[in-house]
Amino acid sequence: MSGLNHVQRVRLLYKTILRLHRGLPNELQELGQAYVRDEFRRHKNCNPKETQIFMLEWSKYTLTLSEQLLKNAKSNIGFGKNIDKDDGVLDSFTDDQILQLYNLFKETTGIQDKIIESELSK
């Protein structure tokens, strides 16, 4: 893959993710496809440091999803990985990324803002 230029590497990663999403259940596939398209569009003109992080994290996602698809085919274990609030991952997120994560949470769980706000105020 080192012989590819940057645009080719991005395109290859993008297409690989979209192909992997074909192995997900329909509702996850639709959500995943839309999210990936939006994320890649949003980062089209980011700076080199952000590009490096973006490519690394999406590459990790590709490997994780590949492993989960293989395991799920054998034992139906499910998909995803919980974010541990104690491991510091959330500390490196920007406010926009936290908002995206929150919106993704709402979309995937069907929870409305009013329910979450009442839980947060406790």
PDB file of N, CA and C in Angstrom:
ATOM      1  N   MET A   1       0.819  -1.194   0.000  1.00  0.00           N
ATOM      2  CA  MET A   1       0.000   0.000   0.000  1.00  0.00           C
ATOM      3  C   MET A   1       0.860   1.255   0.000  1.00  0.00           C
ATOM      4  N   SER A   2       2.151   1.122   0.275  1.00  0.00           N
ATOM      5  CA  SER A   2       3.024   2.283   0.326  1.00  0.00           C
ATOM      6  C   SER A   2       3.232   2.908  -1.047  1.00  0.00           C
ATOM      7  N   GLY A   3       2.970   2.173  -2.128  1.00  0.00           N
ATOM      8  CA  GLY A   3       3.125   2.703  -3.472  1.00  0.00           C
ATOM      9  C   GLY A   3       1.971   3.594  -3.902  1.00  0.00           C
ATOM     10  N   LEU A   4       0.949   3.661  -3.084  1.00  0.00           N
ATOM     11  CA  LEU A   4      -0.225   4.473  -3.418  1.00  0.00           C
ATOM     12  C   LEU A   4      -0.035   5.898  -2.929  1.00  0.00           C
ATOM     13  N   ASN A   5      -0.611   6.843  -3.684  1.00  0.00           N
ATOM     14  CA  ASN A   5      -0.571   8.224  -3.199  1.00  0.00           C
ATOM     15  C   ASN A   5      -1.682   8.414  -2.161  1.00  0.00           C
ATOM     16  N   HIS A   6      -1.708   9.567  -1.539  1.00  0.00           N
ATOM     17  CA  HIS A   6      -2.652   9.825  -0.435  1.00  0.00           C
ATOM     18  C   HIS A   6      -4.107   9.627  -0.870  1.00  0.00           C
ATOM     19  N   VAL A   7      -4.477  10.183  -1.986  1.00  0.00           N
ATOM     20  CA  VAL A   7      -5.862  10.073  -2.457  1.00  0.00           C
ATOM     21  C   VAL A   7      -6.238   8.608  -2.684  1.00  0.00           C
ATOM     22  N   GLN A   8      -5.331   7.841  -3.242  1.00  0.00           N
ATOM     23  CA  GLN A   8      -5.596   6.420  -3.474  1.00  0.00           C
ATOM     24  C   GLN A   8      -5.752   5.656  -2.162  1.00  0.00           C
ATOM     25  N   ARG A   9      -4.936   5.999  -1.160  1.00  0.00           N
ATOM     26  CA  ARG A   9      -5.039   5.337   0.147  1.00  0.00           C
ATOM     27  C   ARG A   9      -6.374   5.669   0.815  1.00  0.00           C
ATOM     28  N   VAL A  10      -6.777   6.930   0.737  1.00  0.00           N
ATOM     29  CA  VAL A  10      -8.064   7.332   1.324  1.00  0.00           C
ATOM     30  C   VAL A  10      -9.207   6.607   0.624  1.00  0.00           C
ATOM     31  N   ARG A  11      -9.163   6.581  -0.691  1.00  0.00           N
ATOM     32  CA  ARG A  11     -10.223   5.919  -1.469  1.00  0.00           C
ATOM     33  C   ARG A  11     -10.285   4.421  -1.158  1.00  0.00           C
ATOM     34  N   LEU A  12      -9.126   3.780  -1.035  1.00  0.00           N
ATOM     35  CA  LEU A  12      -9.078   2.357  -0.717  1.00  0.00           C
ATOM     36  C   LEU A  12      -9.669   2.084   0.672  1.00  0.00           C
ATOM     37  N   LEU A  13      -9.311   2.894   1.637  1.00  0.00           N
ATOM     38  CA  LEU A  13      -9.853   2.737   2.987  1.00  0.00           C
ATOM     39  C   LEU A  13     -11.367   2.947   2.987  1.00  0.00           C
ATOM     40  N   TYR A  14     -11.810   3.978   2.324  1.00  0.00           N
ATOM     41  CA  TYR A  14     -13.245   4.295   2.235  1.00  0.00           C
ATOM     42  C   TYR A  14     -14.022   3.130   1.619  1.00  0.00           C
ATOM     43  N   LYS A  15     -13.552   2.628   0.496  1.00  0.00           N
ATOM     44  CA  LYS A  15     -14.242   1.526  -0.180  1.00  0.00           C
ATOM     45  C   LYS A  15     -14.200   0.241   0.645  1.00  0.00           C
ATOM     46  N   THR A  16     -13.101   0.018   1.344  1.00  0.00           N
ATOM     47  CA  THR A  16     -12.995  -1.162   2.203  1.00  0.00           C
ATOM     48  C   THR A  16     -14.032  -1.109   3.321  1.00  0.00           C
ATOM     49  N   ILE A  17     -14.181   0.052   3.925  1.00  0.00           N
ATOM     50  CA  ILE A  17     -15.170   0.211   4.992  1.00  0.00           C
ATOM     51  C   ILE A  17     -16.575  -0.023   4.451  1.00  0.00           C
ATOM     52  N   LEU A  18     -16.888   0.562   3.307  1.00  0.00           N
ATOM     53  CA  LEU A  18     -18.226   0.375   2.727  1.00  0.00           C
ATOM     54  C   LEU A  18     -18.487  -1.101   2.420  1.00  0.00           C
ATOM     55  N   ARG A  19     -17.467  -1.807   1.943  1.00  0.00           N
ATOM     56  CA  ARG A  19     -17.628  -3.248   1.670  1.00  0.00           C
ATOM     57  C   ARG A  19     -17.855  -4.026   2.954  1.00  0.00           C
ATOM     58  N   LEU A  20     -17.101  -3.699   3.989  1.00  0.00           N
ATOM     59  CA  LEU A  20     -17.270  -4.381   5.277  1.00  0.00           C
ATOM     60  C   LEU A  20     -18.672  -4.156   5.841  1.00  0.00           C
ATOM     61  N   HIS A  21     -19.197  -2.971   5.631  1.00  0.00           N
ATOM     62  CA  HIS A  21     -20.532  -2.666   6.142  1.00  0.00           C
ATOM     63  C   HIS A  21     -21.613  -3.546   5.512  1.00  0.00           C
ATOM     64  N   ARG A  22     -21.323  -4.134   4.366  1.00  0.00           N
ATOM     65  CA  ARG A  22     -22.295  -5.037   3.740  1.00  0.00           C
ATOM     66  C   ARG A  22     -22.566  -6.261   4.612  1.00  0.00           C
ATOM     67  N   GLY A  23     -21.639  -6.584   5.497  1.00  0.00           N
ATOM     68  CA  GLY A  23     -21.811  -7.729   6.380  1.00  0.00           C
ATOM     69  C   GLY A  23     -22.610  -7.430   7.638  1.00  0.00           C
ATOM     70  N   LEU A  24     -22.960  -6.164   7.841  1.00  0.00           N
ATOM     71  CA  LEU A  24     -23.726  -5.767   9.022  1.00  0.00           C
ATOM     72  C   LEU A  24     -25.219  -5.979   8.795  1.00  0.00           C
ATOM     73  N   PRO A  25     -25.994  -6.081   9.877  1.00  0.00           N
ATOM     74  CA  PRO A  25     -27.457  -6.103   9.718  1.00  0.00           C
ATOM     75  C   PRO A  25     -27.913  -4.816   9.019  1.00  0.00           C
ATOM     76  N   ASN A  26     -29.034  -4.881   8.320  1.00  0.00           N
ATOM     77  CA  ASN A  26     -29.494  -3.757   7.484  1.00  0.00           C
ATOM     78  C   ASN A  26     -29.524  -2.419   8.206  1.00  0.00           C
ATOM     79  N   GLU A  27     -30.078  -2.378   9.422  1.00  0.00           N
ATOM     80  CA  GLU A  27     -30.190  -1.092  10.116  1.00  0.00           C
ATOM     81  C   GLU A  27     -28.824  -0.524  10.481  1.00  0.00           C
ATOM     82  N   LEU A  28     -27.886  -1.394  10.861  1.00  0.00           N
ATOM     83  CA  LEU A  28     -26.528  -0.920  11.143  1.00  0.00           C
ATOM     84  C   LEU A  28     -25.805  -0.540   9.862  1.00  0.00           C
ATOM     85  N   GLN A  29     -26.059  -1.277   8.803  1.00  0.00           N
ATOM     86  CA  GLN A  29     -25.432  -0.997   7.516  1.00  0.00           C
ATOM     87  C   GLN A  29     -25.813   0.398   7.024  1.00  0.00           C
ATOM     88  N   GLU A  30     -27.099   0.715   7.071  1.00  0.00           N
ATOM     89  CA  GLU A  30     -27.562   2.032   6.618  1.00  0.00           C
ATOM     90  C   GLU A  30     -26.955   3.149   7.455  1.00  0.00           C
ATOM     91  N   LEU A  31     -26.980   2.971   8.767  1.00  0.00           N
ATOM     92  CA  LEU A  31     -26.420   3.977   9.663  1.00  0.00           C
ATOM     93  C   LEU A  31     -24.918   4.130   9.428  1.00  0.00           C
ATOM     94  N   GLY A  32     -24.227   3.007   9.318  1.00  0.00           N
ATOM     95  CA  GLY A  32     -22.783   3.033   9.108  1.00  0.00           C
ATOM     96  C   GLY A  32     -22.386   3.678   7.796  1.00  0.00           C
ATOM     97  N   GLN A  33     -23.106   3.339   6.727  1.00  0.00           N
ATOM     98  CA  GLN A  33     -22.783   3.913   5.408  1.00  0.00           C
ATOM     99  C   GLN A  33     -22.935   5.434   5.445  1.00  0.00           C
ATOM    100  N   ALA A  34     -24.042   5.898   6.008  1.00  0.00           N
ATOM    101  CA  ALA A  34     -24.281   7.344   6.064  1.00  0.00           C
ATOM    102  C   ALA A  34     -23.211   8.034   6.913  1.00  0.00           C
ATOM    103  N   TYR A  35     -22.860   7.429   8.029  1.00  0.00           N
ATOM    104  CA  TYR A  35     -21.861   8.022   8.927  1.00  0.00           C
ATOM    105  C   TYR A  35     -20.489   8.100   8.255  1.00  0.00           C
ATOM    106  N   VAL A  36     -20.089   7.021   7.595  1.00  0.00           N
ATOM    107  CA  VAL A  36     -18.782   6.994   6.930  1.00  0.00           C
ATOM    108  C   VAL A  36     -18.726   8.039   5.818  1.00  0.00           C
ATOM    109  N   ARG A  37     -19.765   8.095   5.014  1.00  0.00           N
ATOM    110  CA  ARG A  37     -19.790   9.096   3.928  1.00  0.00           C
ATOM    111  C   ARG A  37     -19.644  10.508   4.490  1.00  0.00           C
ATOM    112  N   ASP A  38     -20.398  10.795   5.544  1.00  0.00           N
ATOM    113  CA  ASP A  38     -20.362  12.123   6.148  1.00  0.00           C
ATOM    114  C   ASP A  38     -18.981  12.435   6.725  1.00  0.00           C
ATOM    115  N   GLU A  39     -18.397  11.476   7.444  1.00  0.00           N
ATOM    116  CA  GLU A  39     -17.082  11.680   8.050  1.00  0.00           C
ATOM    117  C   GLU A  39     -15.995  11.903   7.003  1.00  0.00           C
ATOM    118  N   PHE A  40     -16.001  11.112   5.948  1.00  0.00           N
ATOM    119  CA  PHE A  40     -14.975  11.274   4.916  1.00  0.00           C
ATOM    120  C   PHE A  40     -15.160  12.603   4.183  1.00  0.00           C
ATOM    121  N   ARG A  41     -16.394  13.001   3.953  1.00  0.00           N
ATOM    122  CA  ARG A  41     -16.644  14.308   3.322  1.00  0.00           C
ATOM    123  C   ARG A  41     -16.166  15.438   4.224  1.00  0.00           C
ATOM    124  N   ARG A  42     -16.480  15.334   5.504  1.00  0.00           N
ATOM    125  CA  ARG A  42     -16.114  16.371   6.459  1.00  0.00           C
ATOM    126  C   ARG A  42     -14.614  16.562   6.598  1.00  0.00           C
ATOM    127  N   HIS A  43     -13.869  15.501   6.437  1.00  0.00           N
ATOM    128  CA  HIS A  43     -12.420  15.562   6.632  1.00  0.00           C
ATOM    129  C   HIS A  43     -11.643  15.684   5.324  1.00  0.00           C
ATOM    130  N   LYS A  44     -12.348  15.991   4.271  1.00  0.00           N
ATOM    131  CA  LYS A  44     -11.712  16.067   2.955  1.00  0.00           C
ATOM    132  C   LYS A  44     -10.581  17.092   2.910  1.00  0.00           C
ATOM    133  N   ASN A  45     -10.733  18.194   3.617  1.00  0.00           N
ATOM    134  CA  ASN A  45      -9.732  19.268   3.568  1.00  0.00           C
ATOM    135  C   ASN A  45      -9.095  19.545   4.924  1.00  0.00           C
ATOM    136  N   CYS A  46      -8.940  18.526   5.755  1.00  0.00           N
ATOM    137  CA  CYS A  46      -8.347  18.754   7.070  1.00  0.00           C
ATOM    138  C   CYS A  46      -6.825  18.854   6.970  1.00  0.00           C
ATOM    139  N   ASN A  47      -6.226  19.334   8.034  1.00  0.00           N
ATOM    140  CA  ASN A  47      -4.770  19.530   8.026  1.00  0.00           C
ATOM    141  C   ASN A  47      -4.054  18.176   8.116  1.00  0.00           C
ATOM    142  N   PRO A  48      -2.752  18.156   7.789  1.00  0.00           N
ATOM    143  CA  PRO A  48      -2.003  16.886   7.750  1.00  0.00           C
ATOM    144  C   PRO A  48      -2.017  16.101   9.069  1.00  0.00           C
ATOM    145  N   LYS A  49      -1.947  16.795  10.206  1.00  0.00           N
ATOM    146  CA  LYS A  49      -1.961  16.094  11.493  1.00  0.00           C
ATOM    147  C   LYS A  49      -3.308  15.390  11.702  1.00  0.00           C
ATOM    148  N   GLU A  50      -4.396  16.108  11.437  1.00  0.00           N
ATOM    149  CA  GLU A  50      -5.726  15.502  11.565  1.00  0.00           C
ATOM    150  C   GLU A  50      -5.907  14.365  10.564  1.00  0.00           C
ATOM    151  N   THR A  51      -5.351  14.521   9.378  1.00  0.00           N
ATOM    152  CA  THR A  51      -5.450  13.473   8.350  1.00  0.00           C
ATOM    153  C   THR A  51      -4.791  12.193   8.832  1.00  0.00           C
ATOM    154  N   GLN A  52      -3.618  12.330   9.441  1.00  0.00           N
ATOM    155  CA  GLN A  52      -2.902  11.158   9.939  1.00  0.00           C
ATOM    156  C   GLN A  52      -3.725  10.440  11.012  1.00  0.00           C
ATOM    157  N   ILE A  53      -4.276  11.185  11.948  1.00  0.00           N
ATOM    158  CA  ILE A  53      -5.103  10.601  13.006  1.00  0.00           C
ATOM    159  C   ILE A  53      -6.358   9.973  12.410  1.00  0.00           C
ATOM    160  N   PHE A  54      -6.987  10.686  11.488  1.00  0.00           N
ATOM    161  CA  PHE A  54      -8.208  10.195  10.827  1.00  0.00           C
ATOM    162  C   PHE A  54      -7.959   8.852  10.148  1.00  0.00           C
ATOM    163  N   MET A  55      -6.897   8.774   9.371  1.00  0.00           N
ATOM    164  CA  MET A  55      -6.588   7.539   8.643  1.00  0.00           C
ATOM    165  C   MET A  55      -6.249   6.401   9.605  1.00  0.00           C
ATOM    166  N   LEU A  56      -5.504   6.698  10.652  1.00  0.00           N
ATOM    167  CA  LEU A  56      -5.133   5.678  11.629  1.00  0.00           C
ATOM    168  C   LEU A  56      -6.379   5.120  12.328  1.00  0.00           C
ATOM    169  N   GLU A  57      -7.249   6.005  12.781  1.00  0.00           N
ATOM    170  CA  GLU A  57      -8.437   5.560  13.517  1.00  0.00           C
ATOM    171  C   GLU A  57      -9.407   4.785  12.627  1.00  0.00           C
ATOM    172  N   TRP A  58      -9.580   5.218  11.387  1.00  0.00           N
ATOM    173  CA  TRP A  58     -10.466   4.478  10.488  1.00  0.00           C
ATOM    174  C   TRP A  58      -9.836   3.152  10.072  1.00  0.00           C
ATOM    175  N   SER A  59      -8.511   3.095  10.021  1.00  0.00           N
ATOM    176  CA  SER A  59      -7.840   1.817   9.750  1.00  0.00           C
ATOM    177  C   SER A  59      -8.059   0.854  10.904  1.00  0.00           C
ATOM    178  N   LYS A  60      -7.963   1.356  12.136  1.00  0.00           N
ATOM    179  CA  LYS A  60      -8.239   0.530  13.314  1.00  0.00           C
ATOM    180  C   LYS A  60      -9.690   0.038  13.287  1.00  0.00           C
ATOM    181  N   TYR A  61     -10.603   0.936  12.911  1.00  0.00           N
ATOM    182  CA  TYR A  61     -12.010   0.559  12.817  1.00  0.00           C
ATOM    183  C   TYR A  61     -12.189  -0.582  11.814  1.00  0.00           C
ATOM    184  N   THR A  62     -11.498  -0.481  10.695  1.00  0.00           N
ATOM    185  CA  THR A  62     -11.586  -1.508   9.657  1.00  0.00           C
ATOM    186  C   THR A  62     -11.130  -2.862  10.194  1.00  0.00           C
ATOM    187  N   LEU A  63     -10.020  -2.870  10.908  1.00  0.00           N
ATOM    188  CA  LEU A  63      -9.517  -4.122  11.490  1.00  0.00           C
ATOM    189  C   LEU A  63     -10.481  -4.672  12.542  1.00  0.00           C
ATOM    190  N   THR A  64     -10.975  -3.800  13.404  1.00  0.00           N
ATOM    191  CA  THR A  64     -11.914  -4.228  14.450  1.00  0.00           C
ATOM    192  C   THR A  64     -13.188  -4.791  13.845  1.00  0.00           C
ATOM    193  N   LEU A  65     -13.731  -4.096  12.854  1.00  0.00           N
ATOM    194  CA  LEU A  65     -14.965  -4.561  12.222  1.00  0.00           C
ATOM    195  C   LEU A  65     -14.739  -5.882  11.495  1.00  0.00           C
ATOM    196  N   SER A  66     -13.594  -6.033  10.854  1.00  0.00           N
ATOM    197  CA  SER A  66     -13.276  -7.305  10.178  1.00  0.00           C
ATOM    198  C   SER A  66     -13.286  -8.451  11.179  1.00  0.00           C
ATOM    199  N   GLU A  67     -12.629  -8.238  12.317  1.00  0.00           N
ATOM    200  CA  GLU A  67     -12.590  -9.268  13.358  1.00  0.00           C
ATOM    201  C   GLU A  67     -13.988  -9.575  13.885  1.00  0.00           C
ATOM    202  N   GLN A  68     -14.779  -8.527  14.116  1.00  0.00           N
ATOM    203  CA  GLN A  68     -16.126  -8.736  14.645  1.00  0.00           C
ATOM    204  C   GLN A  68     -17.024  -9.449  13.635  1.00  0.00           C
ATOM    205  N   LEU A  69     -16.860  -9.141  12.364  1.00  0.00           N
ATOM    206  CA  LEU A  69     -17.648  -9.828  11.342  1.00  0.00           C
ATOM    207  C   LEU A  69     -17.302 -11.308  11.292  1.00  0.00           C
ATOM    208  N   LEU A  70     -16.014 -11.631  11.410  1.00  0.00           N
ATOM    209  CA  LEU A  70     -15.600 -13.040  11.415  1.00  0.00           C
ATOM    210  C   LEU A  70     -16.128 -13.767  12.647  1.00  0.00           C
ATOM    211  N   LYS A  71     -15.984 -13.155  13.815  1.00  0.00           N
ATOM    212  CA  LYS A  71     -16.465 -13.774  15.051  1.00  0.00           C
ATOM    213  C   LYS A  71     -17.986 -13.899  15.049  1.00  0.00           C
ATOM    214  N   ASN A  72     -18.659 -12.867  14.548  1.00  0.00           N
ATOM    215  CA  ASN A  72     -20.120 -12.884  14.523  1.00  0.00           C
ATOM    216  C   ASN A  72     -20.643 -13.974  13.598  1.00  0.00           C
ATOM    217  N   ALA A  73     -19.928 -14.223  12.514  1.00  0.00           N
ATOM    218  CA  ALA A  73     -20.339 -15.279  11.586  1.00  0.00           C
ATOM    219  C   ALA A  73     -20.284 -16.642  12.267  1.00  0.00           C
ATOM    220  N   LYS A  74     -19.360 -16.802  13.212  1.00  0.00           N
ATOM    221  CA  LYS A  74     -19.202 -18.081  13.903  1.00  0.00           C
ATOM    222  C   LYS A  74     -20.111 -18.209  15.117  1.00  0.00           C
ATOM    223  N   SER A  75     -20.281 -17.119  15.881  1.00  0.00           N
ATOM    224  CA  SER A  75     -20.982 -17.260  17.160  1.00  0.00           C
ATOM    225  C   SER A  75     -22.061 -16.214  17.431  1.00  0.00           C
ATOM    226  N   ASN A  76     -22.330 -15.339  16.495  1.00  0.00           N
ATOM    227  CA  ASN A  76     -23.364 -14.306  16.645  1.00  0.00           C
ATOM    228  C   ASN A  76     -23.172 -13.489  17.923  1.00  0.00           C
ATOM    229  N   ILE A  77     -21.983 -12.926  18.094  1.00  0.00           N
ATOM    230  CA  ILE A  77     -21.659 -12.184  19.313  1.00  0.00           C
ATOM    231  C   ILE A  77     -22.131 -10.729  19.290  1.00  0.00           C
ATOM    232  N   GLY A  78     -22.410 -10.184  18.138  1.00  0.00           N
ATOM    233  CA  GLY A  78     -22.805  -8.789  18.049  1.00  0.00           C
ATOM    234  C   GLY A  78     -21.662  -7.908  17.592  1.00  0.00           C
ATOM    235  N   PHE A  79     -21.943  -6.622  17.535  1.00  0.00           N
ATOM    236  CA  PHE A  79     -20.975  -5.671  17.006  1.00  0.00           C
ATOM    237  C   PHE A  79     -20.776  -4.522  17.973  1.00  0.00           C
ATOM    238  N   GLY A  80     -19.646  -3.861  17.818  1.00  0.00           N
ATOM    239  CA  GLY A  80     -19.375  -2.656  18.576  1.00  0.00           C
ATOM    240  C   GLY A  80     -18.408  -2.883  19.715  1.00  0.00           C
ATOM    241  N   LYS A  81     -18.061  -1.782  20.331  1.00  0.00           N
ATOM    242  CA  LYS A  81     -17.141  -1.801  21.465  1.00  0.00           C
ATOM    243  C   LYS A  81     -17.510  -0.641  22.365  1.00  0.00           C
ATOM    244  N   ASN A  82     -17.609  -0.893  23.644  1.00  0.00           N
ATOM    245  CA  ASN A  82     -17.939   0.156  24.596  1.00  0.00           C
ATOM    246  C   ASN A  82     -16.750   1.083  24.795  1.00  0.00           C
ATOM    247  N   ILE A  83     -17.048   2.342  24.994  1.00  0.00           N
ATOM    248  CA  ILE A  83     -16.011   3.318  25.309  1.00  0.00           C
ATOM    249  C   ILE A  83     -15.924   3.391  26.823  1.00  0.00           C
ATOM    250  N   ASP A  84     -14.747   3.135  27.355  1.00  0.00           N
ATOM    251  CA  ASP A  84     -14.530   3.190  28.791  1.00  0.00           C
ATOM    252  C   ASP A  84     -14.187   4.634  29.157  1.00  0.00           C
ATOM    253  N   LYS A  85     -15.000   5.246  29.982  1.00  0.00           N
ATOM    254  CA  LYS A  85     -14.760   6.652  30.325  1.00  0.00           C
ATOM    255  C   LYS A  85     -13.459   6.857  31.101  1.00  0.00           C
ATOM    256  N   ASP A  86     -12.929   5.783  31.690  1.00  0.00           N
ATOM    257  CA  ASP A  86     -11.695   5.894  32.467  1.00  0.00           C
ATOM    258  C   ASP A  86     -10.424   5.759  31.633  1.00  0.00           C
ATOM    259  N   ASP A  87     -10.545   5.366  30.355  1.00  0.00           N
ATOM    260  CA  ASP A  87      -9.323   5.172  29.558  1.00  0.00           C
ATOM    261  C   ASP A  87      -8.833   6.451  28.886  1.00  0.00           C
ATOM    262  N   GLY A  88      -9.558   7.554  29.042  1.00  0.00           N
ATOM    263  CA  GLY A  88      -9.104   8.845  28.543  1.00  0.00           C
ATOM    264  C   GLY A  88      -9.397   9.129  27.083  1.00  0.00           C
ATOM    265  N   VAL A  89     -10.057   8.217  26.381  1.00  0.00           N
ATOM    266  CA  VAL A  89     -10.350   8.418  24.962  1.00  0.00           C
ATOM    267  C   VAL A  89     -11.220   9.663  24.765  1.00  0.00           C
ATOM    268  N   LEU A  90     -12.219   9.810  25.591  1.00  0.00           N
ATOM    269  CA  LEU A  90     -13.127  10.946  25.437  1.00  0.00           C
ATOM    270  C   LEU A  90     -12.437  12.282  25.687  1.00  0.00           C
ATOM    271  N   ASP A  91     -11.374  12.282  26.467  1.00  0.00           N
ATOM    272  CA  ASP A  91     -10.642  13.522  26.738  1.00  0.00           C
ATOM    273  C   ASP A  91      -9.991  14.096  25.489  1.00  0.00           C
ATOM    274  N   SER A  92      -9.695  13.236  24.511  1.00  0.00           N
ATOM    275  CA  SER A  92      -9.037  13.706  23.295  1.00  0.00           C
ATOM    276  C   SER A  92     -10.040  14.163  22.231  1.00  0.00           C
ATOM    277  N   PHE A  93     -11.332  14.004  22.495  1.00  0.00           N
ATOM    278  CA  PHE A  93     -12.351  14.400  21.535  1.00  0.00           C
ATOM    279  C   PHE A  93     -12.589  15.906  21.590  1.00  0.00           C
ATOM    280  N   THR A  94     -12.868  16.490  20.432  1.00  0.00           N
ATOM    281  CA  THR A  94     -13.269  17.893  20.388  1.00  0.00           C
ATOM    282  C   THR A  94     -14.740  17.979  20.777  1.00  0.00           C
ATOM    283  N   ASP A  95     -15.215  19.198  21.020  1.00  0.00           N
ATOM    284  CA  ASP A  95     -16.631  19.385  21.355  1.00  0.00           C
ATOM    285  C   ASP A  95     -17.526  18.881  20.218  1.00  0.00           C
ATOM    286  N   ASP A  96     -17.109  19.122  18.977  1.00  0.00           N
ATOM    287  CA  ASP A  96     -17.887  18.645  17.828  1.00  0.00           C
ATOM    288  C   ASP A  96     -17.956  17.121  17.799  1.00  0.00           C
ATOM    289  N   GLN A  97     -16.849  16.469  18.134  1.00  0.00           N
ATOM    290  CA  GLN A  97     -16.833  15.005  18.142  1.00  0.00           C
ATOM    291  C   GLN A  97     -17.714  14.447  19.259  1.00  0.00           C
ATOM    292  N   ILE A  98     -17.711  15.103  20.420  1.00  0.00           N
ATOM    293  CA  ILE A  98     -18.593  14.678  21.518  1.00  0.00           C
ATOM    294  C   ILE A  98     -20.046  14.822  21.090  1.00  0.00           C
ATOM    295  N   LEU A  99     -20.365  15.916  20.416  1.00  0.00           N
ATOM    296  CA  LEU A  99     -21.728  16.115  19.922  1.00  0.00           C
ATOM    297  C   LEU A  99     -22.097  15.045  18.896  1.00  0.00           C
ATOM    298  N   GLN A 100     -21.178  14.709  18.009  1.00  0.00           N
ATOM    299  CA  GLN A 100     -21.427  13.648  17.031  1.00  0.00           C
ATOM    300  C   GLN A 100     -21.675  12.319  17.723  1.00  0.00           C
ATOM    301  N   LEU A 101     -20.872  12.026  18.720  1.00  0.00           N
ATOM    302  CA  LEU A 101     -21.025  10.782  19.466  1.00  0.00           C
ATOM    303  C   LEU A 101     -22.376  10.746  20.176  1.00  0.00           C
ATOM    304  N   TYR A 102     -22.756  11.854  20.753  1.00  0.00           N
ATOM    305  CA  TYR A 102     -24.059  11.976  21.415  1.00  0.00           C
ATOM    306  C   TYR A 102     -25.198  11.757  20.420  1.00  0.00           C
ATOM    307  N   ASN A 103     -25.094  12.385  19.252  1.00  0.00           N
ATOM    308  CA  ASN A 103     -26.126  12.224  18.226  1.00  0.00           C
ATOM    309  C   ASN A 103     -26.187  10.790  17.709  1.00  0.00           C
ATOM    310  N   LEU A 104     -25.037  10.162  17.574  1.00  0.00           N
ATOM    311  CA  LEU A 104     -24.993   8.764  17.165  1.00  0.00           C
ATOM    312  C   LEU A 104     -25.639   7.878  18.227  1.00  0.00           C
ATOM    313  N   PHE A 105     -25.361   8.173  19.478  1.00  0.00           N
ATOM    314  CA  PHE A 105     -25.977   7.445  20.588  1.00  0.00           C
ATOM    315  C   PHE A 105     -27.501   7.565  20.527  1.00  0.00           C
ATOM    316  N   LYS A 106     -27.978   8.791  20.339  1.00  0.00           N
ATOM    317  CA  LYS A 106     -29.434   9.003  20.262  1.00  0.00           C
ATOM    318  C   LYS A 106     -30.034   8.233  19.089  1.00  0.00           C
ATOM    319  N   GLU A 107     -29.363   8.283  17.959  1.00  0.00           N
ATOM    320  CA  GLU A 107     -29.862   7.619  16.746  1.00  0.00           C
ATOM    321  C   GLU A 107     -29.925   6.107  16.917  1.00  0.00           C
ATOM    322  N   THR A 108     -28.913   5.549  17.529  1.00  0.00           N
ATOM    323  CA  THR A 108     -28.853   4.092  17.650  1.00  0.00           C
ATOM    324  C   THR A 108     -29.720   3.546  18.774  1.00  0.00           C
ATOM    325  N   THR A 109     -30.006   4.366  19.770  1.00  0.00           N
ATOM    326  CA  THR A 109     -30.806   3.878  20.893  1.00  0.00           C
ATOM    327  C   THR A 109     -32.257   4.326  20.824  1.00  0.00           C
ATOM    328  N   GLY A 110     -32.531   5.335  20.027  1.00  0.00           N
ATOM    329  CA  GLY A 110     -33.894   5.854  19.929  1.00  0.00           C
ATOM    330  C   GLY A 110     -34.285   6.713  21.120  1.00  0.00           C
ATOM    331  N   ILE A 111     -33.311   7.070  21.944  1.00  0.00           N
ATOM    332  CA  ILE A 111     -33.587   7.891  23.130  1.00  0.00           C
ATOM    333  C   ILE A 111     -33.710   9.355  22.703  1.00  0.00           C
ATOM    334  N   GLN A 112     -34.692  10.014  23.255  1.00  0.00           N
ATOM    335  CA  GLN A 112     -34.919  11.420  22.940  1.00  0.00           C
ATOM    336  C   GLN A 112     -34.184  12.322  23.938  1.00  0.00           C
ATOM    337  N   ASP A 113     -33.963  13.590  23.560  1.00  0.00           N
ATOM    338  CA  ASP A 113     -33.246  14.554  24.395  1.00  0.00           C
ATOM    339  C   ASP A 113     -33.876  14.713  25.777  1.00  0.00           C
ATOM    340  N   LYS A 114     -35.192  14.756  25.862  1.00  0.00           N
ATOM    341  CA  LYS A 114     -35.844  14.990  27.136  1.00  0.00           C
ATOM    342  C   LYS A 114     -35.530  13.892  28.150  1.00  0.00           C
ATOM    343  N   ILE A 115     -35.477  12.662  27.678  1.00  0.00           N
ATOM    344  CA  ILE A 115     -35.160  11.555  28.575  1.00  0.00           C
ATOM    345  C   ILE A 115     -33.725  11.679  29.064  1.00  0.00           C
ATOM    346  N   ILE A 116     -32.818  11.990  28.184  1.00  0.00           N
ATOM    347  CA  ILE A 116     -31.405  12.109  28.550  1.00  0.00           C
ATOM    348  C   ILE A 116     -31.198  13.291  29.480  1.00  0.00           C
ATOM    349  N   GLU A 117     -31.835  14.417  29.185  1.00  0.00           N
ATOM    350  CA  GLU A 117     -31.693  15.596  30.040  1.00  0.00           C
ATOM    351  C   GLU A 117     -32.187  15.304  31.441  1.00  0.00           C
ATOM    352  N   SER A 118     -33.291  14.576  31.581  1.00  0.00           N
ATOM    353  CA  SER A 118     -33.798  14.260  32.906  1.00  0.00           C
ATOM    354  C   SER A 118     -32.829  13.335  33.643  1.00  0.00           C
ATOM    355  N   GLU A 119     -32.160  12.438  32.930  1.00  0.00           N
ATOM    356  CA  GLU A 119     -31.174  11.551  33.550  1.00  0.00           C
ATOM    357  C   GLU A 119     -29.936  12.332  33.978  1.00  0.00           C
ATOM    358  N   LEU A 120     -29.519  13.289  33.165  1.00  0.00           N
ATOM    359  CA  LEU A 120     -28.320  14.060  33.473  1.00  0.00           C
ATOM    360  C   LEU A 120     -28.544  14.997  34.657  1.00  0.00           C
ATOM    361  N   SER A 121     -29.771  15.444  34.845  1.00  0.00           N
ATOM    362  CA  SER A 121     -30.045  16.388  35.925  1.00  0.00           C
ATOM    363  C   SER A 121     -30.157  15.708  37.285  1.00  0.00           C
ATOM    364  N   LYS A 122     -30.140  14.394  37.321  1.00  0.00           N
ATOM    365  CA  LYS A 122     -30.250  13.667  38.606  1.00  0.00           C
ATOM    366  C   LYS A 122     -28.972  13.754  39.393  1.00  0.00           C
TER     367      LYS A 122
END
